[in-house]
Amino acid sequence: MNVYYLAVGITFLIDIILYSVFSVFNKVQPELLGLPFFYWYQILMLVVTTVLMIGASTIKNGEVKGSGNR
């Protein structure tokens, strides 16, 4: 199996699980910098998703660069 597709699949699975637990982050308290928990959880998830997708992209770029050495 292609490592890139596995990494992207795991990334999507993590995101789906973390966004699916709506009852966990559907709260007003605690607040961080004046933002309710719901909003900063969403902002945190954007950062986590970005980091995971950059990681998957890095794996893909490594495969492309490494494929010419055969």
PDB file of N, CA and C in Angstrom:
ATOM      1  N   MET A   1       0.851  -1.187   0.000  1.00  0.00           N
ATOM      2  CA  MET A   1       0.000   0.000   0.000  1.00  0.00           C
ATOM      3  C   MET A   1       0.889   1.240   0.000  1.00  0.00           C
ATOM      4  N   ASN A   2       0.455   2.245  -0.687  1.00  0.00           N
ATOM      5  CA  ASN A   2       1.191   3.490  -0.775  1.00  0.00           C
ATOM      6  C   ASN A   2       1.168   4.195   0.584  1.00  0.00           C
ATOM      7  N   VAL A   3       2.338   4.580   1.075  1.00  0.00           N
ATOM      8  CA  VAL A   3       2.455   5.206   2.392  1.00  0.00           C
ATOM      9  C   VAL A   3       1.714   6.540   2.436  1.00  0.00           C
ATOM     10  N   TYR A   4       1.729   7.260   1.332  1.00  0.00           N
ATOM     11  CA  TYR A   4       1.046   8.559   1.283  1.00  0.00           C
ATOM     12  C   TYR A   4      -0.447   8.394   1.537  1.00  0.00           C
ATOM     13  N   TYR A   5      -1.075   7.445   0.869  1.00  0.00           N
ATOM     14  CA  TYR A   5      -2.513   7.249   1.045  1.00  0.00           C
ATOM     15  C   TYR A   5      -2.834   6.769   2.457  1.00  0.00           C
ATOM     16  N   LEU A   6      -1.956   5.983   3.032  1.00  0.00           N
ATOM     17  CA  LEU A   6      -2.139   5.552   4.410  1.00  0.00           C
ATOM     18  C   LEU A   6      -2.058   6.751   5.354  1.00  0.00           C
ATOM     19  N   ALA A   7      -1.078   7.630   5.143  1.00  0.00           N
ATOM     20  CA  ALA A   7      -0.927   8.818   5.988  1.00  0.00           C
ATOM     21  C   ALA A   7      -2.129   9.748   5.861  1.00  0.00           C
ATOM     22  N   VAL A   8      -2.611   9.947   4.643  1.00  0.00           N
ATOM     23  CA  VAL A   8      -3.785  10.803   4.439  1.00  0.00           C
ATOM     24  C   VAL A   8      -5.017  10.169   5.078  1.00  0.00           C
ATOM     25  N   GLY A   9      -5.167   8.865   4.942  1.00  0.00           N
ATOM     26  CA  GLY A   9      -6.296   8.174   5.558  1.00  0.00           C
ATOM     27  C   GLY A   9      -6.283   8.283   7.070  1.00  0.00           C
ATOM     28  N   ILE A  10      -5.120   8.122   7.671  1.00  0.00           N
ATOM     29  CA  ILE A  10      -5.000   8.261   9.123  1.00  0.00           C
ATOM     30  C   ILE A  10      -5.296   9.695   9.541  1.00  0.00           C
ATOM     31  N   THR A  11      -4.810  10.656   8.754  1.00  0.00           N
ATOM     32  CA  THR A  11      -5.081  12.066   9.047  1.00  0.00           C
ATOM     33  C   THR A  11      -6.577  12.347   9.028  1.00  0.00           C
ATOM     34  N   PHE A  12      -7.269  11.884   7.999  1.00  0.00           N
ATOM     35  CA  PHE A  12      -8.709  12.098   7.927  1.00  0.00           C
ATOM     36  C   PHE A  12      -9.434  11.379   9.058  1.00  0.00           C
ATOM     37  N   LEU A  13      -8.981  10.193   9.412  1.00  0.00           N
ATOM     38  CA  LEU A  13      -9.605   9.446  10.496  1.00  0.00           C
ATOM     39  C   LEU A  13      -9.462  10.187  11.826  1.00  0.00           C
ATOM     40  N   ILE A  14      -8.270  10.713  12.099  1.00  0.00           N
ATOM     41  CA  ILE A  14      -8.054  11.482  13.326  1.00  0.00           C
ATOM     42  C   ILE A  14      -8.961  12.705  13.351  1.00  0.00           C
ATOM     43  N   ASP A  15      -9.029  13.416  12.229  1.00  0.00           N
ATOM     44  CA  ASP A  15      -9.885  14.605  12.168  1.00  0.00           C
ATOM     45  C   ASP A  15     -11.352  14.256  12.371  1.00  0.00           C
ATOM     46  N   ILE A  16     -11.809  13.209  11.731  1.00  0.00           N
ATOM     47  CA  ILE A  16     -13.213  12.813  11.855  1.00  0.00           C
ATOM     48  C   ILE A  16     -13.538  12.454  13.297  1.00  0.00           C
ATOM     49  N   ILE A  17     -12.657  11.717  13.946  1.00  0.00           N
ATOM     50  CA  ILE A  17     -12.894  11.328  15.340  1.00  0.00           C
ATOM     51  C   ILE A  17     -12.912  12.553  16.246  1.00  0.00           C
ATOM     52  N   LEU A  18     -11.928  13.451  16.077  1.00  0.00           N
ATOM     53  CA  LEU A  18     -11.857  14.621  16.955  1.00  0.00           C
ATOM     54  C   LEU A  18     -13.005  15.597  16.723  1.00  0.00           C
ATOM     55  N   TYR A  19     -13.514  15.694  15.502  1.00  0.00           N
ATOM     56  CA  TYR A  19     -14.664  16.556  15.240  1.00  0.00           C
ATOM     57  C   TYR A  19     -15.985  15.869  15.596  1.00  0.00           C
ATOM     58  N   SER A  20     -16.005  14.547  15.700  1.00  0.00           N
ATOM     59  CA  SER A  20     -17.245  13.815  15.976  1.00  0.00           C
ATOM     60  C   SER A  20     -17.677  13.883  17.430  1.00  0.00           C
ATOM     61  N   VAL A  21     -16.762  14.151  18.311  1.00  0.00           N
ATOM     62  CA  VAL A  21     -17.096  14.191  19.734  1.00  0.00           C
ATOM     63  C   VAL A  21     -17.604  15.588  20.094  1.00  0.00           C
ATOM     64  N   PHE A  22     -18.661  15.992  19.409  1.00  0.00           N
ATOM     65  CA  PHE A  22     -19.212  17.342  19.553  1.00  0.00           C
ATOM     66  C   PHE A  22     -19.622  17.642  20.982  1.00  0.00           C
ATOM     67  N   SER A  23     -20.145  16.662  21.686  1.00  0.00           N
ATOM     68  CA  SER A  23     -20.603  16.904  23.057  1.00  0.00           C
ATOM     69  C   SER A  23     -19.447  17.255  23.987  1.00  0.00           C
ATOM     70  N   VAL A  24     -18.235  16.874  23.633  1.00  0.00           N
ATOM     71  CA  VAL A  24     -17.070  17.187  24.466  1.00  0.00           C
ATOM     72  C   VAL A  24     -16.694  18.658  24.350  1.00  0.00           C
ATOM     73  N   PHE A  25     -16.752  19.215  23.143  1.00  0.00           N
ATOM     74  CA  PHE A  25     -16.293  20.592  22.972  1.00  0.00           C
ATOM     75  C   PHE A  25     -17.425  21.596  22.765  1.00  0.00           C
ATOM     76  N   ASN A  26     -18.666  21.185  22.941  1.00  0.00           N
ATOM     77  CA  ASN A  26     -19.801  22.100  22.830  1.00  0.00           C
ATOM     78  C   ASN A  26     -20.070  22.732  24.198  1.00  0.00           C
ATOM     79  N   LYS A  27     -19.113  23.555  24.641  1.00  0.00           N
ATOM     80  CA  LYS A  27     -19.191  24.191  25.953  1.00  0.00           C
ATOM     81  C   LYS A  27     -18.813  25.658  25.824  1.00  0.00           C
ATOM     82  N   VAL A  28     -19.247  26.430  26.783  1.00  0.00           N
ATOM     83  CA  VAL A  28     -18.851  27.835  26.826  1.00  0.00           C
ATOM     84  C   VAL A  28     -17.627  27.995  27.717  1.00  0.00           C
ATOM     85  N   GLN A  29     -17.629  27.327  28.856  1.00  0.00           N
ATOM     86  CA  GLN A  29     -16.509  27.423  29.796  1.00  0.00           C
ATOM     87  C   GLN A  29     -15.552  26.278  29.561  1.00  0.00           C
ATOM     88  N   PRO A  30     -14.300  26.387  29.701  1.00  0.00           N
ATOM     89  CA  PRO A  30     -13.515  27.555  30.083  1.00  0.00           C
ATOM     90  C   PRO A  30     -13.309  28.482  28.891  1.00  0.00           C
ATOM     91  N   GLU A  31     -12.891  29.681  29.190  1.00  0.00           N
ATOM     92  CA  GLU A  31     -12.577  30.649  28.148  1.00  0.00           C
ATOM     93  C   GLU A  31     -11.071  30.814  28.064  1.00  0.00           C
ATOM     94  N   LEU A  32     -10.600  31.074  26.870  1.00  0.00           N
ATOM     95  CA  LEU A  32      -9.181  31.341  26.646  1.00  0.00           C
ATOM     96  C   LEU A  32      -9.093  32.602  25.798  1.00  0.00           C
ATOM     97  N   LEU A  33      -8.502  33.634  26.340  1.00  0.00           N
ATOM     98  CA  LEU A  33      -8.385  34.930  25.665  1.00  0.00           C
ATOM     99  C   LEU A  33      -9.750  35.485  25.264  1.00  0.00           C
ATOM    100  N   GLY A  34     -10.750  35.227  26.088  1.00  0.00           N
ATOM    101  CA  GLY A  34     -12.090  35.738  25.831  1.00  0.00           C
ATOM    102  C   GLY A  34     -12.925  34.888  24.885  1.00  0.00           C
ATOM    103  N   LEU A  35     -12.344  33.827  24.326  1.00  0.00           N
ATOM    104  CA  LEU A  35     -13.080  32.948  23.414  1.00  0.00           C
ATOM    105  C   LEU A  35     -13.612  31.739  24.178  1.00  0.00           C
ATOM    106  N   PRO A  36     -14.866  31.366  23.948  1.00  0.00           N
ATOM    107  CA  PRO A  36     -15.399  30.160  24.579  1.00  0.00           C
ATOM    108  C   PRO A  36     -14.643  28.913  24.104  1.00  0.00           C
ATOM    109  N   PHE A  37     -14.746  27.860  24.879  1.00  0.00           N
ATOM    110  CA  PHE A  37     -14.054  26.600  24.591  1.00  0.00           C
ATOM    111  C   PHE A  37     -14.357  26.101  23.184  1.00  0.00           C
ATOM    112  N   PHE A  38     -15.614  26.214  22.757  1.00  0.00           N
ATOM    113  CA  PHE A  38     -16.009  25.731  21.434  1.00  0.00           C
ATOM    114  C   PHE A  38     -15.157  26.360  20.340  1.00  0.00           C
ATOM    115  N   TYR A  39     -14.956  27.667  20.420  1.00  0.00           N
ATOM    116  CA  TYR A  39     -14.222  28.364  19.361  1.00  0.00           C
ATOM    117  C   TYR A  39     -12.739  28.045  19.382  1.00  0.00           C
ATOM    118  N   TRP A  40     -12.117  28.001  20.573  1.00  0.00           N
ATOM    119  CA  TRP A  40     -10.693  27.714  20.547  1.00  0.00           C
ATOM    120  C   TRP A  40     -10.413  26.249  20.266  1.00  0.00           C
ATOM    121  N   TYR A  41     -11.364  25.364  20.525  1.00  0.00           N
ATOM    122  CA  TYR A  41     -11.201  23.972  20.102  1.00  0.00           C
ATOM    123  C   TYR A  41     -11.201  23.886  18.578  1.00  0.00           C
ATOM    124  N   GLN A  42     -12.100  24.644  17.944  1.00  0.00           N
ATOM    125  CA  GLN A  42     -12.143  24.657  16.478  1.00  0.00           C
ATOM    126  C   GLN A  42     -10.850  25.229  15.899  1.00  0.00           C
ATOM    127  N   ILE A  43     -10.334  26.294  16.489  1.00  0.00           N
ATOM    128  CA  ILE A  43      -9.079  26.889  16.026  1.00  0.00           C
ATOM    129  C   ILE A  43      -7.932  25.905  16.224  1.00  0.00           C
ATOM    130  N   LEU A  44      -7.905  25.235  17.367  1.00  0.00           N
ATOM    131  CA  LEU A  44      -6.873  24.229  17.626  1.00  0.00           C
ATOM    132  C   LEU A  44      -6.949  23.098  16.608  1.00  0.00           C
ATOM    133  N   MET A  45      -8.166  22.679  16.263  1.00  0.00           N
ATOM    134  CA  MET A  45      -8.319  21.605  15.284  1.00  0.00           C
ATOM    135  C   MET A  45      -7.855  22.032  13.895  1.00  0.00           C
ATOM    136  N   LEU A  46      -8.022  23.298  13.543  1.00  0.00           N
ATOM    137  CA  LEU A  46      -7.488  23.783  12.269  1.00  0.00           C
ATOM    138  C   LEU A  46      -5.970  23.656  12.242  1.00  0.00           C
ATOM    139  N   VAL A  47      -5.329  23.990  13.353  1.00  0.00           N
ATOM    140  CA  VAL A  47      -3.868  23.885  13.438  1.00  0.00           C
ATOM    141  C   VAL A  47      -3.437  22.421  13.376  1.00  0.00           C
ATOM    142  N   VAL A  48      -4.130  21.551  14.121  1.00  0.00           N
ATOM    143  CA  VAL A  48      -3.795  20.121  14.123  1.00  0.00           C
ATOM    144  C   VAL A  48      -3.967  19.535  12.723  1.00  0.00           C
ATOM    145  N   THR A  49      -5.065  19.856  12.060  1.00  0.00           N
ATOM    146  CA  THR A  49      -5.304  19.360  10.707  1.00  0.00           C
ATOM    147  C   THR A  49      -4.232  19.841   9.746  1.00  0.00           C
ATOM    148  N   THR A  50      -3.838  21.105   9.869  1.00  0.00           N
ATOM    149  CA  THR A  50      -2.789  21.650   9.007  1.00  0.00           C
ATOM    150  C   THR A  50      -1.476  20.917   9.208  1.00  0.00           C
ATOM    151  N   VAL A  51      -1.103  20.688  10.460  1.00  0.00           N
ATOM    152  CA  VAL A  51       0.153  19.983  10.747  1.00  0.00           C
ATOM    153  C   VAL A  51       0.109  18.557  10.208  1.00  0.00           C
ATOM    154  N   LEU A  52      -1.012  17.868  10.391  1.00  0.00           N
ATOM    155  CA  LEU A  52      -1.130  16.498   9.893  1.00  0.00           C
ATOM    156  C   LEU A  52      -1.063  16.445   8.369  1.00  0.00           C
ATOM    157  N   MET A  53      -1.710  17.395   7.703  1.00  0.00           N
ATOM    158  CA  MET A  53      -1.675  17.409   6.238  1.00  0.00           C
ATOM    159  C   MET A  53      -0.292  17.786   5.713  1.00  0.00           C
ATOM    160  N   ILE A  54       0.414  18.664   6.412  1.00  0.00           N
ATOM    161  CA  ILE A  54       1.795  18.982   6.023  1.00  0.00           C
ATOM    162  C   ILE A  54       2.662  17.738   6.163  1.00  0.00           C
ATOM    163  N   GLY A  55       2.430  16.967   7.222  1.00  0.00           N
ATOM    164  CA  GLY A  55       3.171  15.720   7.389  1.00  0.00           C
ATOM    165  C   GLY A  55       2.902  14.737   6.267  1.00  0.00           C
ATOM    166  N   ALA A  56       1.640  14.598   5.889  1.00  0.00           N
ATOM    167  CA  ALA A  56       1.298  13.701   4.779  1.00  0.00           C
ATOM    168  C   ALA A  56       1.896  14.201   3.473  1.00  0.00           C
ATOM    169  N   SER A  57       1.896  15.503   3.279  1.00  0.00           N
ATOM    170  CA  SER A  57       2.483  16.083   2.069  1.00  0.00           C
ATOM    171  C   SER A  57       3.991  15.864   2.035  1.00  0.00           C
ATOM    172  N   THR A  58       4.628  15.965   3.187  1.00  0.00           N
ATOM    173  CA  THR A  58       6.069  15.723   3.272  1.00  0.00           C
ATOM    174  C   THR A  58       6.390  14.280   2.909  1.00  0.00           C
ATOM    175  N   ILE A  59       5.549  13.353   3.353  1.00  0.00           N
ATOM    176  CA  ILE A  59       5.738  11.948   2.985  1.00  0.00           C
ATOM    177  C   ILE A  59       5.613  11.795   1.475  1.00  0.00           C
ATOM    178  N   LYS A  60       4.617  12.451   0.889  1.00  0.00           N
ATOM    179  CA  LYS A  60       4.412  12.369  -0.561  1.00  0.00           C
ATOM    180  C   LYS A  60       5.611  12.946  -1.308  1.00  0.00           C
ATOM    181  N   ASN A  61       6.115  14.091  -0.883  1.00  0.00           N
ATOM    182  CA  ASN A  61       7.270  14.701  -1.539  1.00  0.00           C
ATOM    183  C   ASN A  61       8.511  13.832  -1.394  1.00  0.00           C
ATOM    184  N   GLY A  62       8.655  13.167  -0.275  1.00  0.00           N
ATOM    185  CA  GLY A  62       9.781  12.255  -0.085  1.00  0.00           C
ATOM    186  C   GLY A  62       9.702  11.066  -1.016  1.00  0.00           C
ATOM    187  N   GLU A  63       8.477  10.554  -1.263  1.00  0.00           N
ATOM    188  CA  GLU A  63       8.308   9.438  -2.191  1.00  0.00           C
ATOM    189  C   GLU A  63       8.627   9.858  -3.616  1.00  0.00           C
ATOM    190  N   VAL A  64       8.200  11.038  -4.001  1.00  0.00           N
ATOM    191  CA  VAL A  64       8.438  11.508  -5.369  1.00  0.00           C
ATOM    192  C   VAL A  64       9.928  11.700  -5.600  1.00  0.00           C
ATOM    193  N   LYS A  65      10.616  12.313  -4.651  1.00  0.00           N
ATOM    194  CA  LYS A  65      12.051  12.532  -4.794  1.00  0.00           C
ATOM    195  C   LYS A  65      12.817  11.216  -4.742  1.00  0.00           C
ATOM    196  N   GLY A  66      12.346  10.289  -3.911  1.00  0.00           N
ATOM    197  CA  GLY A  66      13.038   9.020  -3.767  1.00  0.00           C
ATOM    198  C   GLY A  66      12.750   8.031  -4.876  1.00  0.00           C
ATOM    199  N   SER A  67      11.699   8.246  -5.651  1.00  0.00           N
ATOM    200  CA  SER A  67      11.320   7.274  -6.676  1.00  0.00           C
ATOM    201  C   SER A  67      12.267   7.288  -7.870  1.00  0.00           C
ATOM    202  N   GLY A  68      13.028   8.343  -8.071  1.00  0.00           N
ATOM    203  CA  GLY A  68      13.945   8.414  -9.206  1.00  0.00           C
ATOM    204  C   GLY A  68      15.254   7.690  -8.973  1.00  0.00           C
ATOM    205  N   ASN A  69      15.465   7.174  -7.785  1.00  0.00           N
ATOM    206  CA  ASN A  69      16.727   6.518  -7.445  1.00  0.00           C
ATOM    207  C   ASN A  69      16.716   5.027  -7.725  1.00  0.00           C
ATOM    208  N   ARG A  70      15.714   4.523  -8.369  1.00  0.00           N
ATOM    209  CA  ARG A  70      15.625   3.074  -8.593  1.00  0.00           C
ATOM    210  C   ARG A  70      16.596   2.632  -9.602  1.00  0.00           C
TER     211      ARG A  70
END
